[in-house]
Amino acid sequence: MSYKKLPYTWGAKENSWIETSTGIQEGDTVWNTDWDIMETYTGVAWKHDKAVIRYSGGSDALQVGNLVEISNDGSVSLQTAGSEDLFGGVIIRGSALAGDTTTPLLVAYMGVFPVLYNTATTRGYFCQFSGAGLATPTSSISADCIGICVESVATSPFLAKTVIHTVEYA
C-alpha cells in the first residue's frame, strides 16, 4: 500500500482556518479535521453533505449552536418551545444579528456538532428542545429529543458536541 496525498485543494485544515481563509474559489475543497468531513466552497460558503446553507429570516440574532426552525420561505429563526415540527437543525457556522438576512449560515441536520445548551450538560444526556434556540440536557428520552450529548460542559457558554439527527429541509 502506498501513501497518496489527500486530493483536496487546501489539504487537511482545522475549522478555524476554514472559517477565516481568504483566496478561496468556488469548487475548492478541504478536509475539515475538527469535523472529519470534506467541505466544498460554493462561492458563498463552505458546505458539506450533513448541512444546508440558509439565511436568517431577520427577526432573531443567531449564533453557532442555536437550534433553528425553517420557515416556508426557507429562512431560519430560533427554534421556539412547541415548534418541533418546524425544527431544521443547528447552526454550525456563521452568525447573524437581528435584521441580517444576507449572511450565509451553515445549518447541520445530522452529525456531531456543537449545540448551545441552557445549562451545564453531561456526556450521555439527551439533547431536548427548550425554546429560544437552546437545548436542555435530560437523562430521559422524550419525543422532543434530537440527539445525545457526547461531552460534558460545566461552564458558560454551554456549547457541547452533540450527535444530532433531524430532518433535512432542502
C-alpha atoms as a PDB file:
ATOM      1  CA  MET A   1       0.000   0.000   0.000  1.00  0.00           C
ATOM      2  CA  SER A   2       1.413   3.387  -0.942  1.00  0.00           C
ATOM      3  CA  TYR A   3       0.862   6.821   0.506  1.00  0.00           C
ATOM      4  CA  LYS A   4      -1.216   9.165  -1.595  1.00  0.00           C
ATOM      5  CA  LYS A   5      -1.617  12.845  -0.785  1.00  0.00           C
ATOM      6  CA  LEU A   6      -5.136  13.991   0.090  1.00  0.00           C
ATOM      7  CA  PRO A   7      -6.886  15.115  -3.124  1.00  0.00           C
ATOM      8  CA  TYR A   8      -8.184  18.367  -1.634  1.00  0.00           C
ATOM      9  CA  THR A   9      -7.436  21.859  -2.907  1.00  0.00           C
ATOM     10  CA  TRP A  10      -6.418  23.046   0.560  1.00  0.00           C
ATOM     11  CA  GLY A  11      -5.499  19.708   2.202  1.00  0.00           C
ATOM     12  CA  ALA A  12      -6.446  18.989   5.818  1.00  0.00           C
ATOM     13  CA  LYS A  13      -7.278  22.088   7.891  1.00  0.00           C
ATOM     14  CA  GLU A  14      -8.877  22.965  11.215  1.00  0.00           C
ATOM     15  CA  ASN A  15     -12.271  24.642  11.295  1.00  0.00           C
ATOM     16  CA  SER A  16     -10.740  27.947  12.464  1.00  0.00           C
ATOM     17  CA  TRP A  17      -8.570  28.104   9.310  1.00  0.00           C
ATOM     18  CA  ILE A  18     -11.554  27.245   7.093  1.00  0.00           C
ATOM     19  CA  GLU A  19     -13.699  29.988   8.618  1.00  0.00           C
ATOM     20  CA  THR A  20     -11.050  32.703   8.198  1.00  0.00           C
ATOM     21  CA  SER A  21      -9.379  31.643   4.942  1.00  0.00           C
ATOM     22  CA  THR A  22      -9.060  34.022   2.022  1.00  0.00           C
ATOM     23  CA  GLY A  23      -8.382  33.474  -1.658  1.00  0.00           C
ATOM     24  CA  ILE A  24     -10.891  30.637  -1.823  1.00  0.00           C
ATOM     25  CA  GLN A  25     -12.619  29.962  -5.148  1.00  0.00           C
ATOM     26  CA  GLU A  26     -15.865  28.187  -5.958  1.00  0.00           C
ATOM     27  CA  GLY A  27     -15.274  24.425  -6.130  1.00  0.00           C
ATOM     28  CA  ASP A  28     -12.268  24.436  -3.779  1.00  0.00           C
ATOM     29  CA  THR A  29     -12.215  21.551  -1.299  1.00  0.00           C
ATOM     30  CA  VAL A  30     -10.760  20.965   2.160  1.00  0.00           C
ATOM     31  CA  TRP A  31     -10.745  18.149   4.708  1.00  0.00           C
ATOM     32  CA  ASN A  32     -12.107  19.592   7.974  1.00  0.00           C
ATOM     33  CA  THR A  33     -10.025  17.892  10.699  1.00  0.00           C
ATOM     34  CA  ASP A  34     -12.310  19.114  13.503  1.00  0.00           C
ATOM     35  CA  TRP A  35     -15.450  17.623  11.944  1.00  0.00           C
ATOM     36  CA  ASP A  36     -13.783  14.776   9.963  1.00  0.00           C
ATOM     37  CA  ILE A  37     -15.583  15.707   6.776  1.00  0.00           C
ATOM     38  CA  MET A  38     -14.827  17.046   3.303  1.00  0.00           C
ATOM     39  CA  GLU A  39     -16.152  20.529   2.593  1.00  0.00           C
ATOM     40  CA  THR A  40     -16.610  22.306  -0.722  1.00  0.00           C
ATOM     41  CA  TYR A  41     -16.724  26.059  -1.246  1.00  0.00           C
ATOM     42  CA  THR A  42     -19.937  27.017  -3.069  1.00  0.00           C
ATOM     43  CA  GLY A  43     -18.859  30.547  -3.953  1.00  0.00           C
ATOM     44  CA  VAL A  44     -20.860  31.761  -0.934  1.00  0.00           C
ATOM     45  CA  ALA A  45     -19.844  29.464   1.930  1.00  0.00           C
ATOM     46  CA  TRP A  46     -18.155  26.190   2.824  1.00  0.00           C
ATOM     47  CA  LYS A  47     -20.647  23.305   2.730  1.00  0.00           C
ATOM     48  CA  HIS A  48     -20.788  19.540   3.255  1.00  0.00           C
ATOM     49  CA  ASP A  49     -23.382  16.796   2.917  1.00  0.00           C
ATOM     50  CA  LYS A  50     -24.588  16.954   6.545  1.00  0.00           C
ATOM     51  CA  ALA A  51     -25.718  20.566   6.359  1.00  0.00           C
ATOM     52  CA  VAL A  52     -27.518  23.121   4.214  1.00  0.00           C
ATOM     53  CA  ILE A  53     -26.890  26.823   3.655  1.00  0.00           C
ATOM     54  CA  ARG A  54     -29.713  29.022   4.954  1.00  0.00           C
ATOM     55  CA  TYR A  55     -30.238  32.705   5.713  1.00  0.00           C
ATOM     56  CA  SER A  56     -31.850  34.383   8.693  1.00  0.00           C
ATOM     57  CA  GLY A  57     -35.468  35.449   8.484  1.00  0.00           C
ATOM     58  CA  GLY A  58     -34.235  38.668  10.095  1.00  0.00           C
ATOM     59  CA  SER A  59     -36.138  38.635  13.364  1.00  0.00           C
ATOM     60  CA  ASP A  60     -33.559  36.899  15.591  1.00  0.00           C
ATOM     61  CA  ALA A  61     -29.880  37.193  16.431  1.00  0.00           C
ATOM     62  CA  LEU A  62     -28.404  33.798  15.528  1.00  0.00           C
ATOM     63  CA  GLN A  63     -25.126  32.154  16.548  1.00  0.00           C
ATOM     64  CA  VAL A  64     -23.266  28.848  16.372  1.00  0.00           C
ATOM     65  CA  GLY A  65     -25.055  26.224  18.432  1.00  0.00           C
ATOM     66  CA  ASN A  66     -28.551  27.674  18.107  1.00  0.00           C
ATOM     67  CA  LEU A  67     -31.343  25.258  17.246  1.00  0.00           C
ATOM     68  CA  VAL A  68     -33.298  26.747  14.349  1.00  0.00           C
ATOM     69  CA  GLU A  69     -36.591  26.166  12.590  1.00  0.00           C
ATOM     70  CA  ILE A  70     -37.184  26.563   8.900  1.00  0.00           C
ATOM     71  CA  SER A  71     -39.939  28.853   7.637  1.00  0.00           C
ATOM     72  CA  ASN A  72     -41.934  28.347   4.438  1.00  0.00           C
ATOM     73  CA  ASP A  73     -39.565  30.636   2.517  1.00  0.00           C
ATOM     74  CA  GLY A  74     -36.510  28.577   3.613  1.00  0.00           C
ATOM     75  CA  SER A  75     -35.135  31.148   6.057  1.00  0.00           C
ATOM     76  CA  VAL A  76     -34.278  30.221   9.640  1.00  0.00           C
ATOM     77  CA  SER A  77     -35.196  31.615  13.029  1.00  0.00           C
ATOM     78  CA  LEU A  78     -34.643  30.458  16.595  1.00  0.00           C
ATOM     79  CA  GLN A  79     -36.475  27.264  17.447  1.00  0.00           C
ATOM     80  CA  THR A  80     -39.255  28.086  19.890  1.00  0.00           C
ATOM     81  CA  ALA A  81     -40.981  25.944  22.504  1.00  0.00           C
ATOM     82  CA  GLY A  82     -43.542  23.696  20.905  1.00  0.00           C
ATOM     83  CA  SER A  83     -42.235  24.133  17.349  1.00  0.00           C
ATOM     84  CA  GLU A  84     -40.653  20.683  16.965  1.00  0.00           C
ATOM     85  CA  ASP A  85     -42.476  20.130  13.659  1.00  0.00           C
ATOM     86  CA  LEU A  86     -40.605  23.087  12.164  1.00  0.00           C
ATOM     87  CA  PHE A  87     -37.181  22.136  13.509  1.00  0.00           C
ATOM     88  CA  GLY A  88     -34.459  22.254  10.891  1.00  0.00           C
ATOM     89  CA  GLY A  89     -31.122  21.802  12.605  1.00  0.00           C
ATOM     90  CA  VAL A  90     -28.332  23.535  14.454  1.00  0.00           C
ATOM     91  CA  ILE A  91     -26.201  26.449  13.219  1.00  0.00           C
ATOM     92  CA  ILE A  92     -22.614  25.199  12.932  1.00  0.00           C
ATOM     93  CA  ARG A  93     -21.049  28.102  11.016  1.00  0.00           C
ATOM     94  CA  GLY A  94     -21.914  31.773  10.786  1.00  0.00           C
ATOM     95  CA  SER A  95     -23.873  34.241  12.866  1.00  0.00           C
ATOM     96  CA  ALA A  96     -26.409  36.923  12.108  1.00  0.00           C
ATOM     97  CA  LEU A  97     -27.602  39.951  14.020  1.00  0.00           C
ATOM     98  CA  ALA A  98     -31.326  40.638  14.141  1.00  0.00           C
ATOM     99  CA  GLY A  99     -32.241  42.164  10.772  1.00  0.00           C
ATOM    100  CA  ASP A 100     -29.341  40.491   8.904  1.00  0.00           C
ATOM    101  CA  THR A 101     -30.810  38.404   6.082  1.00  0.00           C
ATOM    102  CA  THR A 102     -27.692  38.236   3.863  1.00  0.00           C
ATOM    103  CA  THR A 103     -25.094  36.316   5.908  1.00  0.00           C
ATOM    104  CA  PRO A 104     -24.971  32.614   4.977  1.00  0.00           C
ATOM    105  CA  LEU A 105     -25.485  30.201   7.880  1.00  0.00           C
ATOM    106  CA  LEU A 106     -24.498  26.546   7.724  1.00  0.00           C
ATOM    107  CA  VAL A 107     -27.279  24.508   9.370  1.00  0.00           C
ATOM    108  CA  ALA A 108     -26.478  20.865  10.195  1.00  0.00           C
ATOM    109  CA  TYR A 109     -29.240  18.289  10.341  1.00  0.00           C
ATOM    110  CA  MET A 110     -27.084  15.270  11.255  1.00  0.00           C
ATOM    111  CA  GLY A 111     -23.621  14.509  12.596  1.00  0.00           C
ATOM    112  CA  VAL A 112     -21.544  15.543  15.622  1.00  0.00           C
ATOM    113  CA  PHE A 113     -21.620  19.314  16.023  1.00  0.00           C
ATOM    114  CA  PRO A 114     -21.750  21.934  18.798  1.00  0.00           C
ATOM    115  CA  VAL A 115     -25.179  22.617  20.335  1.00  0.00           C
ATOM    116  CA  LEU A 116     -25.885  25.505  22.710  1.00  0.00           C
ATOM    117  CA  TYR A 117     -27.470  24.293  25.966  1.00  0.00           C
ATOM    118  CA  ASN A 118     -29.301  26.464  28.508  1.00  0.00           C
ATOM    119  CA  THR A 119     -27.402  24.848  31.404  1.00  0.00           C
ATOM    120  CA  ALA A 120     -24.420  22.608  32.089  1.00  0.00           C
ATOM    121  CA  THR A 121     -24.629  19.226  30.405  1.00  0.00           C
ATOM    122  CA  THR A 122     -23.204  15.767  30.915  1.00  0.00           C
ATOM    123  CA  ARG A 123     -21.906  13.293  28.369  1.00  0.00           C
ATOM    124  CA  GLY A 124     -24.622  10.757  27.560  1.00  0.00           C
ATOM    125  CA  TYR A 125     -27.549  13.092  28.284  1.00  0.00           C
ATOM    126  CA  PHE A 126     -30.207  13.608  25.642  1.00  0.00           C
ATOM    127  CA  CYS A 127     -30.493  16.912  23.778  1.00  0.00           C
ATOM    128  CA  GLN A 128     -34.050  18.221  24.148  1.00  0.00           C
ATOM    129  CA  PHE A 129     -35.769  21.333  22.754  1.00  0.00           C
ATOM    130  CA  SER A 130     -36.108  24.127  25.305  1.00  0.00           C
ATOM    131  CA  GLY A 131     -37.148  27.120  23.198  1.00  0.00           C
ATOM    132  CA  ALA A 132     -35.313  30.321  22.275  1.00  0.00           C
ATOM    133  CA  GLY A 133     -32.902  28.284  20.124  1.00  0.00           C
ATOM    134  CA  LEU A 134     -31.363  26.467  23.082  1.00  0.00           C
ATOM    135  CA  ALA A 135     -31.298  22.839  24.167  1.00  0.00           C
ATOM    136  CA  THR A 136     -31.924  21.332  27.585  1.00  0.00           C
ATOM    137  CA  PRO A 137     -29.926  18.300  28.729  1.00  0.00           C
ATOM    138  CA  THR A 138     -32.083  15.489  30.098  1.00  0.00           C
ATOM    139  CA  SER A 139     -31.381  11.989  31.356  1.00  0.00           C
ATOM    140  CA  SER A 140     -34.644  10.575  29.979  1.00  0.00           C
ATOM    141  CA  ILE A 141     -35.659  10.423  26.340  1.00  0.00           C
ATOM    142  CA  SER A 142     -38.806  12.153  25.093  1.00  0.00           C
ATOM    143  CA  ALA A 143     -40.475  12.991  21.786  1.00  0.00           C
ATOM    144  CA  ASP A 144     -38.640  16.320  21.537  1.00  0.00           C
ATOM    145  CA  CYS A 145     -35.090  14.919  21.862  1.00  0.00           C
ATOM    146  CA  ILE A 146     -32.923  15.415  18.788  1.00  0.00           C
ATOM    147  CA  GLY A 147     -29.617  13.907  19.853  1.00  0.00           C
ATOM    148  CA  ILE A 148     -27.178  12.822  22.533  1.00  0.00           C
ATOM    149  CA  CYS A 149     -24.504  14.998  24.133  1.00  0.00           C
ATOM    150  CA  VAL A 150     -21.024  13.482  23.713  1.00  0.00           C
ATOM    151  CA  GLU A 151     -19.069  15.764  26.037  1.00  0.00           C
ATOM    152  CA  SER A 152     -19.625  17.270  29.473  1.00  0.00           C
ATOM    153  CA  VAL A 153     -19.613  21.073  29.689  1.00  0.00           C
ATOM    154  CA  ALA A 154     -19.909  22.834  33.061  1.00  0.00           C
ATOM    155  CA  THR A 155     -19.041  26.454  32.251  1.00  0.00           C
ATOM    156  CA  SER A 156     -20.923  29.045  30.234  1.00  0.00           C
ATOM    157  CA  PRO A 157     -21.384  29.216  27.294  1.00  0.00           C
ATOM    158  CA  PHE A 158     -22.701  25.666  27.405  1.00  0.00           C
ATOM    159  CA  LEU A 159     -21.652  24.729  23.870  1.00  0.00           C
ATOM    160  CA  ALA A 160     -21.246  20.947  23.747  1.00  0.00           C
ATOM    161  CA  LYS A 161     -20.571  18.467  20.948  1.00  0.00           C
ATOM    162  CA  THR A 162     -23.778  16.569  20.319  1.00  0.00           C
ATOM    163  CA  VAL A 163     -24.736  13.767  17.953  1.00  0.00           C
ATOM    164  CA  ILE A 164     -27.761  15.194  16.155  1.00  0.00           C
ATOM    165  CA  HIS A 165     -30.121  13.644  13.665  1.00  0.00           C
ATOM    166  CA  THR A 166     -33.057  15.664  12.425  1.00  0.00           C
ATOM    167  CA  VAL A 167     -34.895  16.262   9.177  1.00  0.00           C
ATOM    168  CA  GLU A 168     -33.246  17.975   6.210  1.00  0.00           C
ATOM    169  CA  TYR A 169     -35.262  20.840   4.772  1.00  0.00           C
ATOM    170  CA  ALA A 170     -33.679  21.202   1.340  1.00  0.00           C
END
